PDB file of N, CA and C in Angstrom:
ATOM      1  N   MET A   1      99.088  58.115 -22.347  1.00  0.00           N
ATOM      2  CA  MET A   1      98.687  58.823 -23.540  1.00  0.00           C
ATOM      3  C   MET A   1      98.488  57.856 -24.710  1.00  0.00           C
ATOM      4  N   ARG A   2      99.380  56.856 -24.830  1.00  0.00           N
ATOM      5  CA  ARG A   2      99.243  55.884 -25.909  1.00  0.00           C
ATOM      6  C   ARG A   2      97.976  55.053 -25.747  1.00  0.00           C
ATOM      7  N   ALA A   3      97.632  54.721 -24.501  1.00  0.00           N
ATOM      8  CA  ALA A   3      96.422  53.934 -24.243  1.00  0.00           C
ATOM      9  C   ALA A   3      95.183  54.709 -24.679  1.00  0.00           C
ATOM     10  N   ILE A   4      95.150  55.982 -24.428  1.00  0.00           N
ATOM     11  CA  ILE A   4      94.020  56.818 -24.834  1.00  0.00           C
ATOM     12  C   ILE A   4      93.931  56.870 -26.357  1.00  0.00           C
ATOM     13  N   ARG A   5      95.077  57.019 -26.995  1.00  0.00           N
ATOM     14  CA  ARG A   5      95.114  57.086 -28.457  1.00  0.00           C
ATOM     15  C   ARG A   5      94.631  55.765 -29.069  1.00  0.00           C
ATOM     16  N   ARG A   6      95.082  54.636 -28.498  1.00  0.00           N
ATOM     17  CA  ARG A   6      94.647  53.332 -28.985  1.00  0.00           C
ATOM     18  C   ARG A   6      93.140  53.152 -28.807  1.00  0.00           C
ATOM     19  N   THR A   7      92.637  53.540 -27.643  1.00  0.00           N
ATOM     20  CA  THR A   7      91.205  53.439 -27.371  1.00  0.00           C
ATOM     21  C   THR A   7      90.415  54.292 -28.358  1.00  0.00           C
ATOM     22  N   ALA A   8      90.882  55.478 -28.618  1.00  0.00           N
ATOM     23  CA  ALA A   8      90.195  56.368 -29.565  1.00  0.00           C
ATOM     24  C   ALA A   8      90.187  55.767 -30.965  1.00  0.00           C
ATOM     25  N   ILE A   9      91.292  55.154 -31.363  1.00  0.00           N
ATOM     26  CA  ILE A   9      91.369  54.536 -32.692  1.00  0.00           C
ATOM     27  C   ILE A   9      90.399  53.360 -32.784  1.00  0.00           C
ATOM     28  N   VAL A  10      90.328  52.551 -31.734  1.00  0.00           N
ATOM     29  CA  VAL A  10      89.416  51.404 -31.724  1.00  0.00           C
ATOM     30  C   VAL A  10      87.965  51.884 -31.801  1.00  0.00           C
ATOM     31  N   VAL A  11      87.618  52.908 -31.029  1.00  0.00           N
ATOM     32  CA  VAL A  11      86.246  53.422 -31.023  1.00  0.00           C
ATOM     33  C   VAL A  11      85.884  53.983 -32.397  1.00  0.00           C
ATOM     34  N   ILE A  12      86.773  54.734 -32.992  1.00  0.00           N
ATOM     35  CA  ILE A  12      86.525  55.303 -34.322  1.00  0.00           C
ATOM     36  C   ILE A  12      86.406  54.193 -35.361  1.00  0.00           C
ATOM     37  N   SER A  13      87.246  53.172 -35.282  1.00  0.00           N
ATOM     38  CA  SER A  13      87.184  52.057 -36.223  1.00  0.00           C
ATOM     39  C   SER A  13      85.864  51.310 -36.109  1.00  0.00           C
ATOM     40  N   LEU A  14      85.418  51.035 -34.883  1.00  0.00           N
ATOM     41  CA  LEU A  14      84.146  50.343 -34.688  1.00  0.00           C
ATOM     42  C   LEU A  14      82.978  51.178 -35.191  1.00  0.00           C
ATOM     43  N   ALA A  15      83.014  52.475 -34.977  1.00  0.00           N
ATOM     44  CA  ALA A  15      81.955  53.353 -35.473  1.00  0.00           C
ATOM     45  C   ALA A  15      81.916  53.347 -36.994  1.00  0.00           C
ATOM     46  N   ALA A  16      83.083  53.359 -37.629  1.00  0.00           N
ATOM     47  CA  ALA A  16      83.147  53.334 -39.091  1.00  0.00           C
ATOM     48  C   ALA A  16      82.592  52.021 -39.639  1.00  0.00           C
ATOM     49  N   LEU A  17      82.887  50.902 -38.981  1.00  0.00           N
ATOM     50  CA  LEU A  17      82.348  49.610 -39.409  1.00  0.00           C
ATOM     51  C   LEU A  17      80.832  49.575 -39.272  1.00  0.00           C
ATOM     52  N   ALA A  18      80.321  50.132 -38.197  1.00  0.00           N
ATOM     53  CA  ALA A  18      78.875  50.145 -37.975  1.00  0.00           C
ATOM     54  C   ALA A  18      78.178  50.976 -39.048  1.00  0.00           C
ATOM     55  N   LEU A  19      78.771  52.079 -39.446  1.00  0.00           N
ATOM     56  CA  LEU A  19      78.178  52.920 -40.481  1.00  0.00           C
ATOM     57  C   LEU A  19      78.298  52.284 -41.857  1.00  0.00           C
ATOM     58  N   ALA A  20      79.348  51.528 -42.089  1.00  0.00           N
ATOM     59  CA  ALA A  20      79.570  50.911 -43.399  1.00  0.00           C
ATOM     60  C   ALA A  20      78.632  49.736 -43.646  1.00  0.00           C
ATOM     61  N   ALA A  21      78.257  49.017 -42.600  1.00  0.00           N
ATOM     62  CA  ALA A  21      77.366  47.859 -42.753  1.00  0.00           C
ATOM     63  C   ALA A  21      75.953  48.346 -43.059  1.00  0.00           C
ATOM     64  N   PRO A  22      75.277  47.749 -44.040  1.00  0.00           N
ATOM     65  CA  PRO A  22      73.922  48.185 -44.364  1.00  0.00           C
ATOM     66  C   PRO A  22      72.964  47.855 -43.227  1.00  0.00           C
ATOM     67  N   ALA A  23      72.174  48.820 -42.843  1.00  0.00           N
ATOM     68  CA  ALA A  23      71.210  48.621 -41.770  1.00  0.00           C
ATOM     69  C   ALA A  23      69.955  47.969 -42.334  1.00  0.00           C
ATOM     70  N   LEU A  24      69.405  47.016 -41.604  1.00  0.00           N
ATOM     71  CA  LEU A  24      68.182  46.362 -42.044  1.00  0.00           C
ATOM     72  C   LEU A  24      67.013  47.309 -41.823  1.00  0.00           C
ATOM     73  N   ALA A  25      66.214  47.482 -42.850  1.00  0.00           N
ATOM     74  CA  ALA A  25      65.083  48.394 -42.755  1.00  0.00           C
ATOM     75  C   ALA A  25      63.915  47.761 -41.991  1.00  0.00           C
ATOM     76  N   PHE A  26      63.740  46.448 -42.160  1.00  0.00           N
ATOM     77  CA  PHE A  26      62.612  45.757 -41.540  1.00  0.00           C
ATOM     78  C   PHE A  26      63.097  44.505 -40.817  1.00  0.00           C
ATOM     79  N   ASP A  27      62.367  44.104 -39.768  1.00  0.00           N
ATOM     80  CA  ASP A  27      62.727  42.882 -39.050  1.00  0.00           C
ATOM     81  C   ASP A  27      61.850  41.722 -39.526  1.00  0.00           C
ATOM     82  N   ALA A  28      62.112  40.534 -39.031  1.00  0.00           N
ATOM     83  CA  ALA A  28      61.392  39.338 -39.466  1.00  0.00           C
ATOM     84  C   ALA A  28      59.897  39.452 -39.186  1.00  0.00           C
ATOM     85  N   GLY A  29      59.533  40.081 -38.095  1.00  0.00           N
ATOM     86  CA  GLY A  29      58.119  40.267 -37.759  1.00  0.00           C
ATOM     87  C   GLY A  29      57.393  41.110 -38.795  1.00  0.00           C
ATOM     88  N   TRP A  30      58.080  42.119 -39.314  1.00  0.00           N
ATOM     89  CA  TRP A  30      57.474  42.955 -40.353  1.00  0.00           C
ATOM     90  C   TRP A  30      57.186  42.111 -41.592  1.00  0.00           C
ATOM     91  N   TYR A  31      58.136  41.263 -41.988  1.00  0.00           N
ATOM     92  CA  TYR A  31      57.948  40.415 -43.167  1.00  0.00           C
ATOM     93  C   TYR A  31      56.782  39.449 -42.965  1.00  0.00           C
ATOM     94  N   GLN A  32      56.655  38.883 -41.776  1.00  0.00           N
ATOM     95  CA  GLN A  32      55.535  37.985 -41.496  1.00  0.00           C
ATOM     96  C   GLN A  32      54.203  38.727 -41.624  1.00  0.00           C
ATOM     97  N   SER A  33      54.141  39.930 -41.082  1.00  0.00           N
ATOM     98  CA  SER A  33      52.920  40.735 -41.179  1.00  0.00           C
ATOM     99  C   SER A  33      52.620  41.120 -42.622  1.00  0.00           C
ATOM    100  N   PHE A  34      53.656  41.488 -43.370  1.00  0.00           N
ATOM    101  CA  PHE A  34      53.474  41.864 -44.772  1.00  0.00           C
ATOM    102  C   PHE A  34      52.912  40.696 -45.574  1.00  0.00           C
ATOM    103  N   VAL A  35      53.438  39.499 -45.360  1.00  0.00           N
ATOM    104  CA  VAL A  35      52.944  38.314 -46.075  1.00  0.00           C
ATOM    105  C   VAL A  35      51.500  38.038 -45.664  1.00  0.00           C
ATOM    106  N   LYS A  36      51.217  38.108 -44.379  1.00  0.00           N
ATOM    107  CA  LYS A  36      49.872  37.811 -43.880  1.00  0.00           C
ATOM    108  C   LYS A  36      48.848  38.823 -44.383  1.00  0.00           C
ATOM    109  N   ASP A  37      49.169  40.106 -44.288  1.00  0.00           N
ATOM    110  CA  ASP A  37      48.196  41.157 -44.577  1.00  0.00           C
ATOM    111  C   ASP A  37      48.115  41.555 -46.051  1.00  0.00           C
ATOM    112  N   LYS A  38      49.209  41.420 -46.800  1.00  0.00           N
ATOM    113  CA  LYS A  38      49.189  41.895 -48.187  1.00  0.00           C
ATOM    114  C   LYS A  38      49.522  40.819 -49.214  1.00  0.00           C
ATOM    115  N   ALA A  39      50.701  40.244 -49.128  1.00  0.00           N
ATOM    116  CA  ALA A  39      51.173  39.344 -50.184  1.00  0.00           C
ATOM    117  C   ALA A  39      50.288  38.106 -50.325  1.00  0.00           C
ATOM    118  N   PHE A  40      50.005  37.418 -49.231  1.00  0.00           N
ATOM    119  CA  PHE A  40      49.226  36.181 -49.329  1.00  0.00           C
ATOM    120  C   PHE A  40      47.804  36.459 -49.800  1.00  0.00           C
ATOM    121  N   LYS A  41      47.205  37.552 -49.322  1.00  0.00           N
ATOM    122  CA  LYS A  41      45.850  37.907 -49.757  1.00  0.00           C
ATOM    123  C   LYS A  41      45.811  38.205 -51.251  1.00  0.00           C
ATOM    124  N   CYS A  42      46.906  38.700 -51.786  1.00  0.00           N
ATOM    125  CA  CYS A  42      47.007  38.990 -53.210  1.00  0.00           C
ATOM    126  C   CYS A  42      47.172  37.699 -54.016  1.00  0.00           C
ATOM    127  N   ILE A  43      47.930  36.755 -53.500  1.00  0.00           N
ATOM    128  CA  ILE A  43      48.223  35.502 -54.214  1.00  0.00           C
ATOM    129  C   ILE A  43      47.079  34.501 -54.086  1.00  0.00           C
ATOM    130  N   HIS A  44      46.600  34.266 -52.866  1.00  0.00           N
ATOM    131  CA  HIS A  44      45.510  33.309 -52.591  1.00  0.00           C
ATOM    132  C   HIS A  44      44.415  34.038 -51.802  1.00  0.00           C
ATOM    133  N   PRO A  45      43.590  34.840 -52.470  1.00  0.00           N
ATOM    134  CA  PRO A  45      42.624  35.676 -51.739  1.00  0.00           C
ATOM    135  C   PRO A  45      41.565  34.910 -50.936  1.00  0.00           C
ATOM    136  N   LYS A  46      41.280  33.664 -51.294  1.00  0.00           N
ATOM    137  CA  LYS A  46      40.208  32.933 -50.610  1.00  0.00           C
ATOM    138  C   LYS A  46      40.719  31.894 -49.615  1.00  0.00           C
ATOM    139  N   SER A  47      42.022  31.789 -49.442  1.00  0.00           N
ATOM    140  CA  SER A  47      42.603  30.820 -48.515  1.00  0.00           C
ATOM    141  C   SER A  47      42.920  31.467 -47.175  1.00  0.00           C
ATOM    142  N   LYS A  48      42.998  30.636 -46.153  1.00  0.00           N
ATOM    143  CA  LYS A  48      43.290  31.122 -44.799  1.00  0.00           C
ATOM    144  C   LYS A  48      44.634  30.591 -44.330  1.00  0.00           C
ATOM    145  N   ILE A  49      45.448  31.488 -43.765  1.00  0.00           N
ATOM    146  CA  ILE A  49      46.774  31.128 -43.260  1.00  0.00           C
ATOM    147  C   ILE A  49      46.632  30.406 -41.919  1.00  0.00           C
ATOM    148  N   LYS A  50      47.383  29.305 -41.781  1.00  0.00           N
ATOM    149  CA  LYS A  50      47.466  28.595 -40.504  1.00  0.00           C
ATOM    150  C   LYS A  50      48.682  29.061 -39.713  1.00  0.00           C
ATOM    151  N   LYS A  51      49.825  29.172 -40.421  1.00  0.00           N
ATOM    152  CA  LYS A  51      51.075  29.518 -39.734  1.00  0.00           C
ATOM    153  C   LYS A  51      52.067  30.084 -40.744  1.00  0.00           C
ATOM    154  N   ILE A  52      52.910  31.013 -40.286  1.00  0.00           N
ATOM    155  CA  ILE A  52      53.995  31.573 -41.102  1.00  0.00           C
ATOM    156  C   ILE A  52      55.302  31.392 -40.343  1.00  0.00           C
ATOM    157  N   GLU A  53      56.305  30.816 -41.015  1.00  0.00           N
ATOM    158  CA  GLU A  53      57.634  30.634 -40.416  1.00  0.00           C
ATOM    159  C   GLU A  53      58.662  31.402 -41.229  1.00  0.00           C
ATOM    160  N   VAL A  54      59.647  31.966 -40.539  1.00  0.00           N
ATOM    161  CA  VAL A  54      60.773  32.599 -41.214  1.00  0.00           C
ATOM    162  C   VAL A  54      61.816  31.516 -41.460  1.00  0.00           C
ATOM    163  N   VAL A  55      62.123  31.240 -42.726  1.00  0.00           N
ATOM    164  CA  VAL A  55      63.098  30.216 -43.101  1.00  0.00           C
ATOM    165  C   VAL A  55      64.499  30.821 -43.112  1.00  0.00           C
ATOM    166  N   VAL A  56      64.641  31.981 -43.753  1.00  0.00           N
ATOM    167  CA  VAL A  56      65.911  32.713 -43.782  1.00  0.00           C
ATOM    168  C   VAL A  56      65.611  34.133 -43.313  1.00  0.00           C
ATOM    169  N   PRO A  57      66.210  34.562 -42.198  1.00  0.00           N
ATOM    170  CA  PRO A  57      65.934  35.898 -41.679  1.00  0.00           C
ATOM    171  C   PRO A  57      66.353  36.990 -42.674  1.00  0.00           C
ATOM    172  N   PRO A  58      65.819  38.197 -42.498  1.00  0.00           N
ATOM    173  CA  PRO A  58      66.153  39.284 -43.422  1.00  0.00           C
ATOM    174  C   PRO A  58      67.657  39.531 -43.468  1.00  0.00           C
ATOM    175  N   LYS A  59      68.155  39.718 -44.691  1.00  0.00           N
ATOM    176  CA  LYS A  59      69.554  40.082 -44.855  1.00  0.00           C
ATOM    177  C   LYS A  59      69.655  41.084 -45.989  1.00  0.00           C
ATOM    178  N   ALA A  60      70.567  42.027 -45.822  1.00  0.00           N
ATOM    179  CA  ALA A  60      70.736  43.086 -46.814  1.00  0.00           C
ATOM    180  C   ALA A  60      71.879  42.753 -47.754  1.00  0.00           C
ATOM    181  N   ASP A  61      71.668  43.027 -49.026  1.00  0.00           N
ATOM    182  CA  ASP A  61      72.695  42.887 -50.053  1.00  0.00           C
ATOM    183  C   ASP A  61      72.638  44.159 -50.887  1.00  0.00           C
ATOM    184  N   LYS A  62      73.593  45.040 -50.652  1.00  0.00           N
ATOM    185  CA  LYS A  62      73.619  46.376 -51.263  1.00  0.00           C
ATOM    186  C   LYS A  62      72.370  47.133 -50.838  1.00  0.00           C
ATOM    187  N   ASN A  63      71.467  47.469 -51.752  1.00  0.00           N
ATOM    188  CA  ASN A  63      70.295  48.251 -51.367  1.00  0.00           C
ATOM    189  C   ASN A  63      69.002  47.423 -51.375  1.00  0.00           C
ATOM    190  N   VAL A  64      69.116  46.091 -51.443  1.00  0.00           N
ATOM    191  CA  VAL A  64      67.945  45.214 -51.420  1.00  0.00           C
ATOM    192  C   VAL A  64      68.031  44.299 -50.197  1.00  0.00           C
ATOM    193  N   GLU A  65      66.911  44.198 -49.495  1.00  0.00           N
ATOM    194  CA  GLU A  65      66.817  43.337 -48.324  1.00  0.00           C
ATOM    195  C   GLU A  65      65.864  42.185 -48.661  1.00  0.00           C
ATOM    196  N   THR A  66      66.236  40.961 -48.285  1.00  0.00           N
ATOM    197  CA  THR A  66      65.449  39.788 -48.653  1.00  0.00           C
ATOM    198  C   THR A  66      65.200  38.900 -47.439  1.00  0.00           C
ATOM    199  N   CYS A  67      64.001  38.326 -47.390  1.00  0.00           N
ATOM    200  CA  CYS A  67      63.625  37.395 -46.325  1.00  0.00           C
ATOM    201  C   CYS A  67      62.842  36.243 -46.968  1.00  0.00           C
ATOM    202  N   ARG A  68      63.136  35.005 -46.563  1.00  0.00           N
ATOM    203  CA  ARG A  68      62.437  33.830 -47.092  1.00  0.00           C
ATOM    204  C   ARG A  68      61.502  33.294 -46.002  1.00  0.00           C
ATOM    205  N   LEU A  69      60.255  33.041 -46.391  1.00  0.00           N
ATOM    206  CA  LEU A  69      59.244  32.583 -45.446  1.00  0.00           C
ATOM    207  C   LEU A  69      58.513  31.363 -45.973  1.00  0.00           C
ATOM    208  N   LYS A  70      57.978  30.563 -45.043  1.00  0.00           N
ATOM    209  CA  LYS A  70      57.155  29.404 -45.395  1.00  0.00           C
ATOM    210  C   LYS A  70      55.766  29.648 -44.803  1.00  0.00           C
ATOM    211  N   VAL A  71      54.756  29.508 -45.648  1.00  0.00           N
ATOM    212  CA  VAL A  71      53.377  29.754 -45.235  1.00  0.00           C
ATOM    213  C   VAL A  71      52.598  28.446 -45.319  1.00  0.00           C
ATOM    214  N   TYR A  72      51.948  28.089 -44.234  1.00  0.00           N
ATOM    215  CA  TYR A  72      51.058  26.934 -44.202  1.00  0.00           C
ATOM    216  C   TYR A  72      49.637  27.488 -44.243  1.00  0.00           C
ATOM    217  N   TYR A  73      48.829  26.962 -45.190  1.00  0.00           N
ATOM    218  CA  TYR A  73      47.488  27.509 -45.329  1.00  0.00           C
ATOM    219  C   TYR A  73      46.481  26.433 -45.724  1.00  0.00           C
ATOM    220  N   LYS A  74      45.219  26.743 -45.460  1.00  0.00           N
ATOM    221  CA  LYS A  74      44.114  25.825 -45.745  1.00  0.00           C
ATOM    222  C   LYS A  74      43.567  26.156 -47.118  1.00  0.00           C
ATOM    223  N   GLY A  75      43.566  25.162 -48.001  1.00  0.00           N
ATOM    224  CA  GLY A  75      42.970  25.311 -49.324  1.00  0.00           C
ATOM    225  C   GLY A  75      41.527  24.872 -49.308  1.00  0.00           C
ATOM    226  N   TRP A  76      40.911  24.752 -50.456  1.00  0.00           N
ATOM    227  CA  TRP A  76      39.512  24.324 -50.534  1.00  0.00           C
ATOM    228  C   TRP A  76      39.342  22.882 -50.090  1.00  0.00           C
ATOM    229  N   VAL A  77      40.308  22.033 -50.463  1.00  0.00           N
ATOM    230  CA  VAL A  77      40.177  20.607 -50.176  1.00  0.00           C
ATOM    231  C   VAL A  77      41.126  20.146 -49.074  1.00  0.00           C
ATOM    232  N   LYS A  78      42.382  20.605 -49.140  1.00  0.00           N
ATOM    233  CA  LYS A  78      43.376  20.154 -48.165  1.00  0.00           C
ATOM    234  C   LYS A  78      44.291  21.308 -47.758  1.00  0.00           C
ATOM    235  N   SER A  79      45.212  21.011 -46.871  1.00  0.00           N
ATOM    236  CA  SER A  79      46.182  22.017 -46.427  1.00  0.00           C
ATOM    237  C   SER A  79      47.354  22.068 -47.399  1.00  0.00           C
ATOM    238  N   HIS A  80      47.936  23.255 -47.538  1.00  0.00           N
ATOM    239  CA  HIS A  80      49.048  23.471 -48.454  1.00  0.00           C
ATOM    240  C   HIS A  80      50.171  24.217 -47.749  1.00  0.00           C
ATOM    241  N   LYS A  81      51.317  24.280 -48.448  1.00  0.00           N
ATOM    242  CA  LYS A  81      52.414  25.118 -47.963  1.00  0.00           C
ATOM    243  C   LYS A  81      53.042  25.825 -49.154  1.00  0.00           C
ATOM    244  N   MET A  82      53.584  26.987 -48.867  1.00  0.00           N
ATOM    245  CA  MET A  82      54.198  27.820 -49.883  1.00  0.00           C
ATOM    246  C   MET A  82      55.482  28.405 -49.311  1.00  0.00           C
ATOM    247  N   VAL A  83      56.547  28.404 -50.114  1.00  0.00           N
ATOM    248  CA  VAL A  83      57.794  29.069 -49.733  1.00  0.00           C
ATOM    249  C   VAL A  83      57.918  30.278 -50.651  1.00  0.00           C
ATOM    250  N   LEU A  84      58.096  31.430 -50.049  1.00  0.00           N
ATOM    251  CA  LEU A  84      58.239  32.625 -50.855  1.00  0.00           C
ATOM    252  C   LEU A  84      59.343  33.516 -50.329  1.00  0.00           C
ATOM    253  N   GLU A  85      59.832  34.364 -51.217  1.00  0.00           N
ATOM    254  CA  GLU A  85      60.896  35.290 -50.879  1.00  0.00           C
ATOM    255  C   GLU A  85      60.361  36.705 -51.079  1.00  0.00           C
ATOM    256  N   VAL A  86      60.488  37.519 -50.047  1.00  0.00           N
ATOM    257  CA  VAL A  86      60.038  38.903 -50.108  1.00  0.00           C
ATOM    258  C   VAL A  86      61.281  39.785 -50.128  1.00  0.00           C
ATOM    259  N   SER A  87      61.359  40.664 -51.118  1.00  0.00           N
ATOM    260  CA  SER A  87      62.484  41.600 -51.234  1.00  0.00           C
ATOM    261  C   SER A  87      61.959  43.014 -51.065  1.00  0.00           C
ATOM    262  N   THR A  88      62.727  43.847 -50.381  1.00  0.00           N
ATOM    263  CA  THR A  88      62.357  45.251 -50.199  1.00  0.00           C
ATOM    264  C   THR A  88      63.530  46.139 -50.596  1.00  0.00           C
ATOM    265  N   THR A  89      63.216  47.348 -51.031  1.00  0.00           N
ATOM    266  CA  THR A  89      64.220  48.336 -51.391  1.00  0.00           C
ATOM    267  C   THR A  89      63.582  49.712 -51.355  1.00  0.00           C
ATOM    268  N   LYS A  90      64.407  50.733 -51.468  1.00  0.00           N
ATOM    269  CA  LYS A  90      63.903  52.105 -51.574  1.00  0.00           C
ATOM    270  C   LYS A  90      64.061  52.546 -53.014  1.00  0.00           C
ATOM    271  N   ILE A  91      62.969  53.047 -53.600  1.00  0.00           N
ATOM    272  CA  ILE A  91      62.999  53.596 -54.947  1.00  0.00           C
ATOM    273  C   ILE A  91      62.372  54.978 -54.869  1.00  0.00           C
ATOM    274  N   GLY A  92      63.130  55.973 -55.226  1.00  0.00           N
ATOM    275  CA  GLY A  92      62.620  57.341 -55.160  1.00  0.00           C
ATOM    276  C   GLY A  92      62.261  57.777 -53.759  1.00  0.00           C
ATOM    277  N   GLY A  93      62.971  57.269 -52.766  1.00  0.00           N
ATOM    278  CA  GLY A  93      62.721  57.636 -51.370  1.00  0.00           C
ATOM    279  C   GLY A  93      61.563  56.887 -50.726  1.00  0.00           C
ATOM    280  N   LYS A  94      60.894  55.999 -51.474  1.00  0.00           N
ATOM    281  CA  LYS A  94      59.767  55.235 -50.931  1.00  0.00           C
ATOM    282  C   LYS A  94      60.134  53.761 -50.842  1.00  0.00           C
ATOM    283  N   ASP A  95      59.600  53.081 -49.819  1.00  0.00           N
ATOM    284  CA  ASP A  95      59.825  51.643 -49.669  1.00  0.00           C
ATOM    285  C   ASP A  95      58.996  50.879 -50.689  1.00  0.00           C
ATOM    286  N   ASN A  96      59.624  49.901 -51.328  1.00  0.00           N
ATOM    287  CA  ASN A  96      58.965  49.054 -52.318  1.00  0.00           C
ATOM    288  C   ASN A  96      59.249  47.597 -52.002  1.00  0.00           C
ATOM    289  N   ALA A  97      58.354  46.715 -52.450  1.00  0.00           N
ATOM    290  CA  ALA A  97      58.522  45.279 -52.206  1.00  0.00           C
ATOM    291  C   ALA A  97      58.142  44.499 -53.451  1.00  0.00           C
ATOM    292  N   LYS A  98      58.711  43.302 -53.562  1.00  0.00           N
ATOM    293  CA  LYS A  98      58.291  42.339 -54.573  1.00  0.00           C
ATOM    294  C   LYS A  98      58.382  40.951 -53.956  1.00  0.00           C
ATOM    295  N   VAL A  99      57.609  40.019 -54.519  1.00  0.00           N
ATOM    296  CA  VAL A  99      57.505  38.672 -53.968  1.00  0.00           C
ATOM    297  C   VAL A  99      57.816  37.657 -55.063  1.00  0.00           C
ATOM    298  N   SER A 100      58.551  36.622 -54.708  1.00  0.00           N
ATOM    299  CA  SER A 100      58.815  35.496 -55.607  1.00  0.00           C
ATOM    300  C   SER A 100      58.337  34.221 -54.923  1.00  0.00           C
ATOM    301  N   ILE A 101      57.519  33.443 -55.632  1.00  0.00           N
ATOM    302  CA  ILE A 101      57.055  32.163 -55.100  1.00  0.00           C
ATOM    303  C   ILE A 101      58.076  31.109 -55.496  1.00  0.00           C
ATOM    304  N   LEU A 102      58.716  30.482 -54.514  1.00  0.00           N
ATOM    305  CA  LEU A 102      59.713  29.459 -54.779  1.00  0.00           C
ATOM    306  C   LEU A 102      59.085  28.069 -54.851  1.00  0.00           C
ATOM    307  N   GLU A 103      58.086  27.827 -54.010  1.00  0.00           N
ATOM    308  CA  GLU A 103      57.345  26.555 -54.002  1.00  0.00           C
ATOM    309  C   GLU A 103      55.913  26.836 -53.588  1.00  0.00           C
ATOM    310  N   ASP A 104      54.987  26.064 -54.152  1.00  0.00           N
ATOM    311  CA  ASP A 104      53.593  26.144 -53.722  1.00  0.00           C
ATOM    312  C   ASP A 104      52.950  24.795 -54.005  1.00  0.00           C
ATOM    313  N   SER A 105      52.388  24.169 -52.987  1.00  0.00           N
ATOM    314  CA  SER A 105      51.810  22.839 -53.158  1.00  0.00           C
ATOM    315  C   SER A 105      50.431  22.889 -53.808  1.00  0.00           C
ATOM    316  N   SER A 106      49.824  24.067 -53.933  1.00  0.00           N
ATOM    317  CA  SER A 106      48.536  24.150 -54.624  1.00  0.00           C
ATOM    318  C   SER A 106      48.779  24.196 -56.129  1.00  0.00           C
ATOM    319  N   SER A 107      47.724  23.993 -56.894  1.00  0.00           N
ATOM    320  CA  SER A 107      47.885  23.909 -58.344  1.00  0.00           C
ATOM    321  C   SER A 107      47.432  25.176 -59.073  1.00  0.00           C
ATOM    322  N   LEU A 108      47.459  26.309 -58.407  1.00  0.00           N
ATOM    323  CA  LEU A 108      47.071  27.552 -59.067  1.00  0.00           C
ATOM    324  C   LEU A 108      48.017  27.854 -60.218  1.00  0.00           C
ATOM    325  N   LYS A 109      47.471  28.089 -61.368  1.00  0.00           N
ATOM    326  CA  LYS A 109      48.293  28.367 -62.554  1.00  0.00           C
ATOM    327  C   LYS A 109      48.460  29.873 -62.781  1.00  0.00           C
ATOM    328  N   ARG A 110      47.352  30.576 -62.784  1.00  0.00           N
ATOM    329  CA  ARG A 110      47.380  32.014 -63.069  1.00  0.00           C
ATOM    330  C   ARG A 110      47.142  32.804 -61.800  1.00  0.00           C
ATOM    331  N   VAL A 111      48.135  33.536 -61.402  1.00  0.00           N
ATOM    332  CA  VAL A 111      48.010  34.394 -60.234  1.00  0.00           C
ATOM    333  C   VAL A 111      48.196  35.824 -60.717  1.00  0.00           C
ATOM    334  N   LYS A 112      47.199  36.647 -60.509  1.00  0.00           N
ATOM    335  CA  LYS A 112      47.256  38.041 -60.962  1.00  0.00           C
ATOM    336  C   LYS A 112      47.559  38.948 -59.778  1.00  0.00           C
ATOM    337  N   CYS A 113      48.767  38.859 -59.277  1.00  0.00           N
ATOM    338  CA  CYS A 113      49.201  39.667 -58.139  1.00  0.00           C
ATOM    339  C   CYS A 113      50.329  40.582 -58.612  1.00  0.00           C
ATOM    340  N   ALA A 114      50.148  41.879 -58.436  1.00  0.00           N
ATOM    341  CA  ALA A 114      51.151  42.852 -58.885  1.00  0.00           C
ATOM    342  C   ALA A 114      52.492  42.657 -58.181  1.00  0.00           C
ATOM    343  N   LEU A 115      52.483  42.171 -56.937  1.00  0.00           N
ATOM    344  CA  LEU A 115      53.732  41.961 -56.202  1.00  0.00           C
ATOM    345  C   LEU A 115      54.614  40.915 -56.865  1.00  0.00           C
ATOM    346  N   LEU A 116      54.016  40.009 -57.640  1.00  0.00           N
ATOM    347  CA  LEU A 116      54.780  38.971 -58.343  1.00  0.00           C
ATOM    348  C   LEU A 116      55.380  39.497 -59.645  1.00  0.00           C
ATOM    349  N   GLN A 117      54.849  40.607 -60.148  1.00  0.00           N
ATOM    350  CA  GLN A 117      55.290  41.163 -61.425  1.00  0.00           C
ATOM    351  C   GLN A 117      56.509  42.057 -61.299  1.00  0.00           C
ATOM    352  N   GLY A 118      56.670  42.735 -60.168  1.00  0.00           N
ATOM    353  CA  GLY A 118      57.798  43.643 -59.985  1.00  0.00           C
ATOM    354  C   GLY A 118      57.628  44.493 -58.739  1.00  0.00           C
ATOM    355  N   TRP A 119      58.466  45.494 -58.600  1.00  0.00           N
ATOM    356  CA  TRP A 119      58.471  46.348 -57.405  1.00  0.00           C
ATOM    357  C   TRP A 119      57.159  47.116 -57.291  1.00  0.00           C
ATOM    358  N   GLN A 120      56.578  47.067 -56.091  1.00  0.00           N
ATOM    359  CA  GLN A 120      55.333  47.788 -55.791  1.00  0.00           C
ATOM    360  C   GLN A 120      55.530  48.604 -54.512  1.00  0.00           C
ATOM    361  N   PRO A 121      54.966  49.819 -54.457  1.00  0.00           N
ATOM    362  CA  PRO A 121      55.097  50.632 -53.239  1.00  0.00           C
ATOM    363  C   PRO A 121      54.433  49.960 -52.041  1.00  0.00           C
ATOM    364  N   ILE A 122      55.047  50.125 -50.880  1.00  0.00           N
ATOM    365  CA  ILE A 122      54.504  49.601 -49.630  1.00  0.00           C
ATOM    366  C   ILE A 122      53.779  50.761 -48.934  1.00  0.00           C
ATOM    367  N   ASN A 123      52.535  50.552 -48.600  1.00  0.00           N
ATOM    368  CA  ASN A 123      51.783  51.605 -47.895  1.00  0.00           C
ATOM    369  C   ASN A 123      51.369  51.153 -46.536  1.00  0.00           C
TER     370      ASN A 123
END
């Protein structure tokens, strides 16, 4: 009887821990696709991506999930690389994202991308 009680306590404890840990809404593949299809086209609309690497996999901190990626792309004259951080959250029941450029080897000064300004809905 004690063994059953101990087993039940362990199972309930593990279930409570699983529910308490924040679940990741998106995986690394989703972030790579988001950067390729939306974020990069917004930041460098005329450049072509060569490769995207996940530098820091998605991790949740309270209600915001963040992933750091490195993008290698072809510029007008030479190849460049960019390190960016994509954050996602739910606002009003809808998924939203924002992007921060940490490094960029190109010399673009003015980038008019709404994702760089603040939270934008993901469609």
